[in-house]
Amino acid sequence: GSRTVSDGMVPAVGGGRTRFARNRPMLRGWTRLRGRTRMGSRPINQGRWRPAPVPVRGADDDSLWADRSSVGHVMTAPRTPSGPTTRGVDPENLMAFVLRAVTEVGAALNAALVVMGDRLGYYRSLAAHGASTPAELAERTGTDEHYAREWLNAQAAGAFVSYDPTTGRYLLPPEHAEALTDETSPAFVGGLFQIAHGTVCDTASILEAARTGGGVGWGDHNADVHIGCERFFRPTYHAHLLAEWLPALDGVLDKLTAGASVADVGCGHGASTRLMAEAFPRSTFQGSDVHAPSIEVARQRAAGTGPDAVRNIAFETAGADAVAGGPYDLITMFDCLHDMGDPVGAARHLREVIADDGTWMIVEPAAGDRVEDNLTPIGRAYYGFSTLLCTPASLSQPVGLALGTQAGPARIREVVTAAGFTRFRLVADTPFNNVFEVRP
């Protein structure tokens, strides 16, 4: 099972004075279910998680703390008794922004450095052996000491590792080690950095698409995008899908246990499909995805040998508007509806192949309905992926509705009701996902 991260005390701004707020519990405690609590989760109607704050340097206060839930900025015009006014450039504010921009450059470079540490085994070596010198890390990983030293210094500057100047050793804290090395933990972020790095590497094609109004298909991206997606999402599925998300759907667990017909649409490498198929051997599962190479990976993994083979599973290369078979008792869709060019058309087809008493579970990136709801660190990352990955994917297809990663519940409801579904509700959420139950 996944380890948990203990609560800690961190300063937060409130009412014009510094106070302390306890970090919200991580990992399994992230998912909230409507009307009941499972595995440490809070009921969904108790309000959104409030992320822990992070320190930022202000123009006049080097110790200013800012709440991470309000990293974005909503403009309000300065006012005088006579109304709104404008003013020139404030040198201190300008310098504060420049320093923040430099921090952003370091963060951009760090995405590649995290991928480097992941692939060269730096993080795993530090996690296994504790505080190390550059020479020791280089020897254990079979890499050049010069690169190991500069990488460690960059990681120390970014607070990914700690540095002891008295010994010249670098330490990877245990919490960071879990997030960077434990691929069974829902806190694992290595895959997320891999997606980001792969996405940025394809920026040239996005620039051209932005000039022409075209798109960039999912299959046109490099392998880091596809592999990173599975590495990022798979731990989340293992932590939440069977224990929390499926039980939140009315009557679905009983059907799956007795034997149901399930379509996992947009399944990618089939991680979610296989997880469900192994848990419910009496049910049959059909995974589908428009990306043929991903389906080939899914087939190979499901075939396996001996006990690793999954017998109640099949895969097909097909878009959501061409899913074969049915009627399905359950249709699942994980983080892909917003990528579709014509989600309404896809939903209409799914309405045709779902059973009259069937359930469609849609998992989408967590988002509010207004831009200002999403000006958070997570929303910022999602808007970045939306600009460089998801919106171009939608625009590369017919219709090109381009919902984007921050569509929000209201727009998702519009899509499914336009397709003929009559019931829609939010049944669970995490800081990264909203889980919707849709019925005919």
Protein backbone atom coordinates (compact mmCIF):
# COMPACT_ATOMS: atom_id res chain seq x y z
CA GLY A 1 0.00 0.00 0.00
CA SER A 2 0.95 3.60 -0.33
CA ARG A 3 2.69 5.39 2.50
CA THR A 4 1.14 8.54 3.86
CA VAL A 5 2.73 11.90 4.42
CA SER A 6 2.27 13.22 7.93
CA ASP A 7 0.63 16.55 8.60
CA GLY A 8 2.85 19.57 9.21
CA MET A 9 2.45 23.13 10.32
CA VAL A 10 3.03 25.85 7.76
CA PRO A 11 2.42 29.60 7.93
CA ALA A 12 -0.45 31.10 5.95
CA VAL A 13 -1.78 34.58 5.42
CA GLY A 14 -5.17 35.42 6.84
CA GLY A 15 -6.80 38.60 8.10
CA GLY A 16 -3.65 40.63 7.57
CA ARG A 17 -1.54 38.55 9.95
CA THR A 18 0.43 35.34 9.80
CA ARG A 19 -1.22 32.26 11.20
CA PHE A 20 -0.54 28.56 10.99
CA ALA A 21 -2.61 26.07 9.01
CA ARG A 22 -2.21 22.32 9.04
CA ASN A 23 -1.35 20.69 5.73
CA ARG A 24 -4.17 18.68 4.26
CA PRO A 25 -3.60 14.91 4.30
CA MET A 26 -2.17 13.55 1.07
CA LEU A 27 -2.54 10.45 -1.01
CA ARG A 28 -5.64 8.37 -0.23
CA GLY A 29 -7.15 11.18 1.81
CA TRP A 30 -7.26 13.34 -1.33
CA THR A 31 -10.49 11.88 -2.73
CA ARG A 32 -13.74 13.21 -1.28
CA LEU A 33 -17.00 11.33 -1.75
CA ARG A 34 -20.45 12.86 -1.66
CA GLY A 35 -22.39 12.09 1.49
CA ARG A 36 -19.94 9.63 3.04
CA THR A 37 -16.32 9.18 3.93
CA ARG A 38 -14.05 6.36 2.73
CA MET A 39 -10.43 5.73 3.65
CA GLY A 40 -9.93 9.08 5.31
CA SER A 41 -11.75 11.06 2.62
CA ARG A 42 -14.02 13.95 3.50
CA PRO A 43 -17.57 14.31 2.14
CA ILE A 44 -17.51 16.38 -1.01
CA ASN A 45 -19.81 19.06 0.35
CA GLN A 46 -17.36 20.21 3.02
CA GLY A 47 -15.48 22.55 0.70
CA ARG A 48 -12.37 22.35 -1.41
CA TRP A 49 -8.97 21.42 -0.12
CA ARG A 50 -6.89 24.44 0.70
CA PRO A 51 -3.31 23.84 -0.49
CA ALA A 52 -0.43 24.67 1.82
CA PRO A 53 1.17 28.07 1.22
CA VAL A 54 4.61 28.67 -0.23
CA PRO A 55 6.94 31.59 0.47
CA VAL A 56 7.40 34.23 -2.21
CA ARG A 57 9.59 37.29 -2.09
CA GLY A 58 7.73 40.57 -2.08
CA ALA A 59 8.99 44.01 -3.01
CA ASP A 60 9.03 45.20 0.60
CA ASP A 61 9.01 42.01 2.65
CA ASP A 62 11.51 39.21 2.18
CA SER A 63 9.46 36.91 4.43
CA LEU A 64 6.07 37.39 2.79
CA TRP A 65 3.97 34.25 2.61
CA ALA A 66 1.37 33.66 -0.09
CA ASP A 67 -1.36 31.05 -0.26
CA ARG A 68 -0.75 28.64 -3.14
CA SER A 69 -4.46 28.54 -3.82
CA SER A 70 -4.26 32.13 -5.07
CA VAL A 71 -1.08 32.16 -7.14
CA GLY A 72 -2.96 33.59 -10.12
CA HIS A 73 -3.95 37.23 -10.30
CA VAL A 74 -7.40 38.74 -10.82
CA MET A 75 -7.04 42.36 -11.84
CA THR A 76 -8.73 45.14 -9.90
CA ALA A 77 -8.19 48.74 -10.93
CA PRO A 78 -6.67 51.05 -8.29
CA ARG A 79 -9.23 53.58 -7.19
CA THR A 80 -9.23 57.14 -5.86
CA PRO A 81 -12.23 59.18 -4.70
CA SER A 82 -12.67 60.28 -8.33
CA GLY A 83 -12.54 56.74 -9.77
CA PRO A 84 -10.01 54.39 -11.44
CA THR A 85 -6.50 55.71 -12.06
CA THR A 86 -3.37 54.52 -13.84
CA ARG A 87 0.22 54.88 -12.82
CA GLY A 88 3.70 54.36 -14.24
CA VAL A 89 6.04 51.46 -13.70
CA ASP A 90 6.98 50.84 -10.08
CA PRO A 91 10.70 49.93 -10.01
CA GLU A 92 10.32 47.67 -6.99
CA ASN A 93 7.42 45.79 -8.55
CA LEU A 94 9.39 45.51 -11.78
CA MET A 95 12.38 44.00 -9.98
CA ALA A 96 10.12 41.64 -8.04
CA PHE A 97 8.66 40.40 -11.32
CA VAL A 98 12.09 39.99 -12.92
CA LEU A 99 13.23 37.90 -9.96
CA ARG A 100 10.08 35.83 -10.24
CA ALA A 101 10.75 35.38 -13.97
CA VAL A 102 14.25 34.12 -13.20
CA THR A 103 12.69 31.61 -10.82
CA GLU A 104 10.44 30.51 -13.67
CA VAL A 105 13.46 29.92 -15.91
CA GLY A 106 14.96 27.71 -13.22
CA ALA A 107 11.68 25.82 -12.94
CA ALA A 108 11.51 25.32 -16.71
CA LEU A 109 15.03 23.91 -16.77
CA ASN A 110 14.26 21.75 -13.76
CA ALA A 111 11.66 19.78 -15.72
CA ALA A 112 14.49 18.44 -17.87
CA LEU A 113 16.67 17.93 -14.80
CA VAL A 114 13.98 15.82 -13.11
CA VAL A 115 13.69 13.67 -16.23
CA MET A 116 17.49 13.40 -16.18
CA GLY A 117 17.49 12.31 -12.55
CA ASP A 118 14.74 9.80 -13.25
CA ARG A 119 16.40 8.20 -16.27
CA LEU A 120 19.96 8.16 -14.95
CA GLY A 121 18.84 6.71 -11.64
CA TYR A 122 20.05 9.65 -9.55
CA TYR A 123 16.90 9.87 -7.43
CA ARG A 124 16.70 6.12 -6.87
CA SER A 125 20.35 5.98 -5.87
CA LEU A 126 19.97 8.85 -3.40
CA ALA A 127 16.82 7.25 -1.97
CA ALA A 128 18.59 3.94 -1.47
CA HIS A 129 21.94 5.16 -0.14
CA GLY A 130 21.18 8.39 1.69
CA ALA A 131 23.41 11.45 1.81
CA SER A 132 26.01 11.26 -0.95
CA THR A 133 28.82 13.18 -2.58
CA PRO A 134 28.81 13.83 -6.33
CA ALA A 135 31.61 11.29 -6.74
CA GLU A 136 29.65 8.60 -4.91
CA LEU A 137 26.48 9.28 -6.90
CA ALA A 138 28.39 9.21 -10.18
CA GLU A 139 30.11 5.94 -9.32
CA ARG A 140 26.88 4.21 -8.30
CA THR A 141 25.02 5.32 -11.43
CA GLY A 142 27.85 4.91 -13.92
CA THR A 143 27.78 8.57 -14.93
CA ASP A 144 30.34 11.35 -15.13
CA GLU A 145 31.05 13.15 -11.88
CA HIS A 146 30.92 16.61 -13.48
CA TYR A 147 27.30 16.08 -14.52
CA ALA A 148 26.35 14.55 -11.18
CA ARG A 149 27.82 17.53 -9.31
CA GLU A 150 26.06 20.19 -11.37
CA TRP A 151 22.80 18.26 -11.28
CA LEU A 152 23.01 17.97 -7.49
CA ASN A 153 23.73 21.69 -7.15
CA ALA A 154 20.72 22.54 -9.30
CA GLN A 155 18.54 20.20 -7.24
CA ALA A 156 19.79 21.79 -4.02
CA ALA A 157 19.08 25.29 -5.35
CA GLY A 158 15.53 24.17 -6.13
CA ALA A 159 15.10 22.50 -2.72
CA PHE A 160 14.59 19.08 -4.27
CA VAL A 161 17.59 17.85 -2.26
CA SER A 162 19.28 19.32 0.80
CA TYR A 163 22.98 20.17 0.95
CA ASP A 164 25.31 19.98 3.94
CA PRO A 165 28.28 22.34 3.34
CA THR A 166 30.22 20.81 6.23
CA THR A 167 30.33 17.37 4.58
CA GLY A 168 29.72 18.21 0.93
CA ARG A 169 26.90 15.68 0.86
CA TYR A 170 23.44 15.90 -0.68
CA LEU A 171 20.35 14.28 0.83
CA LEU A 172 17.02 13.41 -0.80
CA PRO A 173 14.34 13.79 1.94
CA PRO A 174 12.07 10.74 2.34
CA GLU A 175 8.95 12.64 1.23
CA HIS A 176 10.73 13.79 -1.93
CA ALA A 177 12.00 10.26 -2.48
CA GLU A 178 8.46 8.91 -2.48
CA ALA A 179 7.25 11.53 -4.94
CA LEU A 180 10.23 11.03 -7.25
CA THR A 181 10.90 7.28 -7.07
CA ASP A 182 7.87 5.31 -5.82
CA GLU A 183 5.75 4.58 -8.88
CA THR A 184 3.14 2.84 -6.72
CA SER A 185 2.40 6.03 -4.78
CA PRO A 186 -0.28 8.47 -5.97
CA ALA A 187 2.17 11.18 -4.95
CA PHE A 188 4.56 10.08 -7.72
CA VAL A 189 5.36 13.04 -10.00
CA GLY A 190 8.05 11.55 -12.23
CA GLY A 191 5.51 10.84 -14.94
CA LEU A 192 4.11 14.37 -14.70
CA PHE A 193 7.56 15.85 -15.31
CA GLN A 194 8.03 13.44 -18.21
CA ILE A 195 4.78 14.62 -19.82
CA ALA A 196 5.79 18.25 -19.33
CA HIS A 197 9.26 17.70 -20.77
CA GLY A 198 7.89 15.82 -23.77
CA THR A 199 5.24 18.46 -24.37
CA VAL A 200 7.72 21.33 -24.30
CA CYS A 201 9.98 19.46 -26.74
CA ASP A 202 7.14 19.64 -29.29
CA THR A 203 6.64 23.40 -28.93
CA ALA A 204 7.69 24.14 -32.54
CA SER A 205 4.68 22.28 -33.96
CA ILE A 206 2.37 24.08 -31.54
CA LEU A 207 3.68 27.48 -32.64
CA GLU A 208 2.93 26.63 -36.25
CA ALA A 209 -0.55 25.38 -35.36
CA ALA A 210 -1.26 28.58 -33.42
CA ARG A 211 -0.37 30.64 -36.50
CA THR A 212 -2.54 28.60 -38.86
CA GLY A 213 -5.41 27.65 -36.56
CA GLY A 214 -4.65 23.97 -37.06
CA GLY A 215 -3.98 21.29 -34.50
CA VAL A 216 -1.43 18.72 -33.43
CA GLY A 217 -2.71 15.19 -33.01
CA TRP A 218 -2.04 13.09 -29.95
CA GLY A 219 -0.09 10.62 -32.06
CA ASP A 220 2.13 13.40 -33.40
CA HIS A 221 3.79 13.89 -30.01
CA ASN A 222 6.95 12.15 -28.88
CA ALA A 223 7.00 9.03 -26.72
CA ASP A 224 7.63 10.94 -23.49
CA VAL A 225 4.09 12.31 -23.68
CA HIS A 226 2.51 8.87 -24.02
CA ILE A 227 4.73 7.05 -21.55
CA GLY A 228 4.63 9.92 -19.06
CA CYS A 229 0.84 9.96 -19.11
CA GLU A 230 0.62 6.33 -18.06
CA ARG A 231 3.31 6.74 -15.40
CA PHE A 232 1.47 9.74 -13.96
CA PHE A 233 -2.09 8.39 -14.05
CA ARG A 234 -1.50 4.72 -13.17
CA PRO A 235 -0.68 5.30 -9.46
CA THR A 236 -3.80 7.46 -9.15
CA TYR A 237 -5.96 4.69 -10.59
CA HIS A 238 -4.44 2.16 -8.19
CA ALA A 239 -5.09 4.44 -5.22
CA HIS A 240 -8.61 5.62 -6.05
CA LEU A 241 -10.38 3.72 -8.83
CA LEU A 242 -11.30 0.50 -7.04
CA ALA A 243 -11.40 1.85 -3.50
CA GLU A 244 -13.28 5.10 -4.02
CA TRP A 245 -14.40 6.06 -7.52
CA LEU A 246 -16.26 2.91 -8.59
CA PRO A 247 -17.95 2.53 -5.17
CA ALA A 248 -19.21 6.11 -5.53
CA LEU A 249 -21.31 5.06 -8.56
CA ASP A 250 -24.81 3.89 -7.69
CA GLY A 251 -25.11 0.10 -7.99
CA VAL A 252 -22.04 -0.36 -10.19
CA LEU A 253 -19.99 -2.52 -7.83
CA ASP A 254 -22.75 -5.12 -7.59
CA LYS A 255 -22.98 -5.31 -11.39
CA LEU A 256 -19.21 -5.66 -11.78
CA THR A 257 -19.05 -8.38 -9.15
CA ALA A 258 -21.88 -10.37 -10.73
CA GLY A 259 -20.61 -9.87 -14.28
CA ALA A 260 -20.98 -6.75 -16.41
CA SER A 261 -20.00 -5.52 -19.84
CA VAL A 262 -17.57 -2.58 -19.64
CA ALA A 263 -16.09 -0.23 -22.24
CA ASP A 264 -13.01 1.76 -21.24
CA VAL A 265 -12.87 4.54 -23.84
CA GLY A 266 -9.59 6.36 -24.49
CA CYS A 267 -7.72 3.71 -22.52
CA GLY A 268 -4.19 4.50 -23.75
CA HIS A 269 -1.83 1.74 -22.62
CA GLY A 270 -4.72 0.03 -20.84
CA ALA A 271 -3.64 0.58 -17.23
CA SER A 272 -7.17 1.41 -16.05
CA THR A 273 -8.73 -1.36 -18.15
CA ARG A 274 -6.43 -4.02 -16.79
CA LEU A 275 -6.84 -2.87 -13.19
CA MET A 276 -10.62 -3.26 -13.43
CA ALA A 277 -10.45 -6.54 -15.35
CA GLU A 278 -8.20 -8.12 -12.73
CA ALA A 279 -10.49 -6.95 -9.91
CA PHE A 280 -13.71 -8.20 -11.52
CA PRO A 281 -13.02 -11.51 -13.31
CA ARG A 282 -16.71 -12.18 -14.04
CA SER A 283 -17.02 -8.99 -16.08
CA THR A 284 -15.73 -8.40 -19.60
CA PHE A 285 -13.75 -5.31 -20.57
CA GLN A 286 -13.26 -3.66 -23.95
CA GLY A 287 -10.55 -1.00 -24.09
CA SER A 288 -10.38 1.38 -27.03
CA ASP A 289 -8.19 4.26 -28.13
CA VAL A 290 -7.66 6.17 -31.35
CA HIS A 291 -3.86 5.87 -30.94
CA ALA A 292 -2.89 2.52 -32.49
CA PRO A 293 0.61 2.28 -30.93
CA SER A 294 -0.91 2.66 -27.46
CA ILE A 295 -3.41 -0.11 -28.17
CA GLU A 296 -0.59 -2.39 -29.27
CA VAL A 297 1.16 -1.79 -25.94
CA ALA A 298 -2.10 -2.53 -24.11
CA ARG A 299 -2.58 -5.80 -26.00
CA GLN A 300 0.95 -7.00 -25.32
CA ARG A 301 0.66 -6.29 -21.61
CA ALA A 302 -2.73 -7.96 -21.28
CA ALA A 303 -1.56 -11.05 -23.16
CA GLY A 304 1.31 -11.68 -20.76
CA THR A 305 2.33 -15.21 -19.90
CA GLY A 306 0.90 -17.59 -17.35
CA PRO A 307 -0.72 -15.84 -14.37
CA ASP A 308 0.10 -12.42 -15.83
CA ALA A 309 -2.34 -12.91 -18.70
CA VAL A 310 -5.74 -11.23 -18.37
CA ARG A 311 -8.44 -13.33 -20.06
CA ASN A 312 -11.49 -11.08 -19.71
CA ILE A 313 -10.08 -8.13 -21.64
CA ALA A 314 -9.81 -7.05 -25.28
CA PHE A 315 -8.59 -3.93 -27.05
CA GLU A 316 -9.48 -2.15 -30.28
CA THR A 317 -8.18 0.87 -32.14
CA ALA A 318 -11.22 3.14 -32.36
CA GLY A 319 -12.32 6.63 -31.50
CA ALA A 320 -15.03 7.27 -28.95
CA ASP A 321 -17.52 7.79 -31.78
CA ALA A 322 -16.86 4.30 -33.14
CA VAL A 323 -16.77 2.07 -30.06
CA ALA A 324 -18.06 -1.35 -31.07
CA GLY A 325 -20.26 -3.77 -29.15
CA GLY A 326 -22.70 -3.07 -26.39
CA PRO A 327 -24.99 -2.60 -24.69
CA TYR A 328 -22.52 -1.71 -21.95
CA ASP A 329 -23.38 -1.70 -18.27
CA LEU A 330 -20.50 0.66 -17.57
CA ILE A 331 -18.54 3.03 -19.79
CA THR A 332 -15.44 4.65 -18.34
CA MET A 333 -13.47 7.59 -19.69
CA PHE A 334 -10.34 8.82 -17.92
CA ASP A 335 -8.93 12.28 -18.66
CA CYS A 336 -9.70 12.22 -22.36
CA LEU A 337 -13.12 13.78 -23.06
CA HIS A 338 -11.57 17.25 -23.31
CA ASP A 339 -9.04 15.95 -25.89
CA MET A 340 -11.76 14.99 -28.36
CA GLY A 341 -12.59 17.11 -31.36
CA ASP A 342 -16.30 16.32 -31.15
CA PRO A 343 -17.11 15.27 -27.58
CA VAL A 344 -20.84 15.76 -28.20
CA GLY A 345 -20.73 13.42 -31.19
CA ALA A 346 -18.77 10.90 -29.15
CA ALA A 347 -21.30 11.17 -26.32
CA ARG A 348 -24.18 10.58 -28.77
CA HIS A 349 -22.53 7.36 -29.94
CA LEU A 350 -21.96 6.23 -26.37
CA ARG A 351 -25.64 6.90 -25.65
CA GLU A 352 -26.43 4.38 -28.39
CA VAL A 353 -24.19 1.63 -27.00
CA ILE A 354 -24.86 2.05 -23.27
CA ALA A 355 -27.53 -0.07 -21.57
CA ASP A 356 -30.74 1.68 -20.54
CA ASP A 357 -29.73 1.26 -16.90
CA GLY A 358 -26.03 1.73 -17.61
CA THR A 359 -23.56 4.19 -16.11
CA TRP A 360 -20.97 6.40 -17.77
CA MET A 361 -18.14 7.45 -15.46
CA ILE A 362 -16.21 10.50 -16.67
CA VAL A 363 -12.96 11.44 -14.95
CA GLU A 364 -11.73 14.89 -15.98
CA PRO A 365 -9.10 17.32 -14.68
CA ALA A 366 -10.29 19.15 -11.58
CA ALA A 367 -11.63 22.57 -12.51
CA GLY A 368 -14.16 25.20 -11.59
CA ASP A 369 -16.49 26.80 -14.10
CA ARG A 370 -14.82 30.24 -14.03
CA VAL A 371 -11.29 31.23 -14.96
CA GLU A 372 -10.78 32.79 -11.54
CA ASP A 373 -11.65 29.44 -9.94
CA ASN A 374 -8.65 27.87 -11.63
CA LEU A 375 -5.89 30.41 -10.98
CA THR A 376 -4.05 27.96 -8.73
CA PRO A 377 -0.82 25.99 -9.09
CA ILE A 378 -2.73 22.95 -10.35
CA GLY A 379 -4.87 25.08 -12.64
CA ARG A 380 -1.74 26.74 -13.94
CA ALA A 381 -0.22 23.37 -14.88
CA TYR A 382 -3.47 22.29 -16.51
CA TYR A 383 -3.77 25.50 -18.53
CA GLY A 384 -0.20 24.92 -19.70
CA PHE A 385 -1.00 21.38 -20.82
CA SER A 386 -4.22 22.64 -22.37
CA THR A 387 -2.35 25.19 -24.49
CA LEU A 388 0.45 22.90 -25.62
CA LEU A 389 -1.17 19.46 -25.68
CA CYS A 390 -4.91 19.02 -25.19
CA THR A 391 -6.38 21.94 -27.15
CA PRO A 392 -4.12 21.24 -30.17
CA ALA A 393 -5.24 17.59 -30.04
CA SER A 394 -8.89 18.62 -30.19
CA LEU A 395 -8.26 21.13 -32.98
CA SER A 396 -6.59 18.41 -35.06
CA GLN A 397 -9.91 16.54 -35.29
CA PRO A 398 -13.23 17.28 -37.00
CA VAL A 399 -15.35 19.91 -35.21
CA GLY A 400 -12.47 20.87 -32.90
CA LEU A 401 -14.61 21.98 -29.96
CA ALA A 402 -11.47 22.41 -27.82
CA LEU A 403 -12.98 22.11 -24.35
CA GLY A 404 -9.55 22.43 -22.77
CA THR A 405 -8.36 20.85 -19.54
CA GLN A 406 -10.22 23.37 -17.37
CA ALA A 407 -13.67 22.98 -18.91
CA GLY A 408 -15.42 22.69 -15.55
CA PRO A 409 -18.57 20.78 -14.55
CA ALA A 410 -21.02 23.09 -16.32
CA ARG A 411 -19.48 22.57 -19.78
CA ILE A 412 -19.16 18.82 -19.22
CA ARG A 413 -22.85 18.74 -18.29
CA GLU A 414 -23.70 20.61 -21.50
CA VAL A 415 -21.84 18.02 -23.56
CA VAL A 416 -23.57 14.98 -22.07
CA THR A 417 -27.07 16.47 -21.96
CA ALA A 418 -26.76 17.57 -25.59
CA ALA A 419 -26.10 13.92 -26.41
CA GLY A 420 -29.29 12.70 -24.73
CA PHE A 421 -28.13 11.78 -21.24
CA THR A 422 -30.49 12.98 -18.54
CA ARG A 423 -28.64 12.51 -15.24
CA PHE A 424 -25.32 14.07 -14.29
CA ARG A 425 -23.66 14.47 -10.93
CA LEU A 426 -20.26 14.98 -9.38
CA VAL A 427 -19.60 11.96 -7.15
CA ALA A 428 -15.98 12.47 -6.04
CA ASP A 429 -12.99 14.67 -6.57
CA THR A 430 -9.29 14.94 -5.80
CA PRO A 431 -7.01 17.96 -6.19
CA PHE A 432 -6.31 16.67 -9.71
CA ASN A 433 -9.61 15.15 -10.87
CA ASN A 434 -13.38 15.49 -10.91
CA VAL A 435 -15.36 12.24 -11.13
CA PHE A 436 -18.81 12.44 -12.75
CA GLU A 437 -21.62 9.88 -12.93
CA VAL A 438 -23.73 10.13 -16.09
CA ARG A 439 -26.85 8.10 -16.85
CA PRO A 440 -29.35 7.87 -19.73
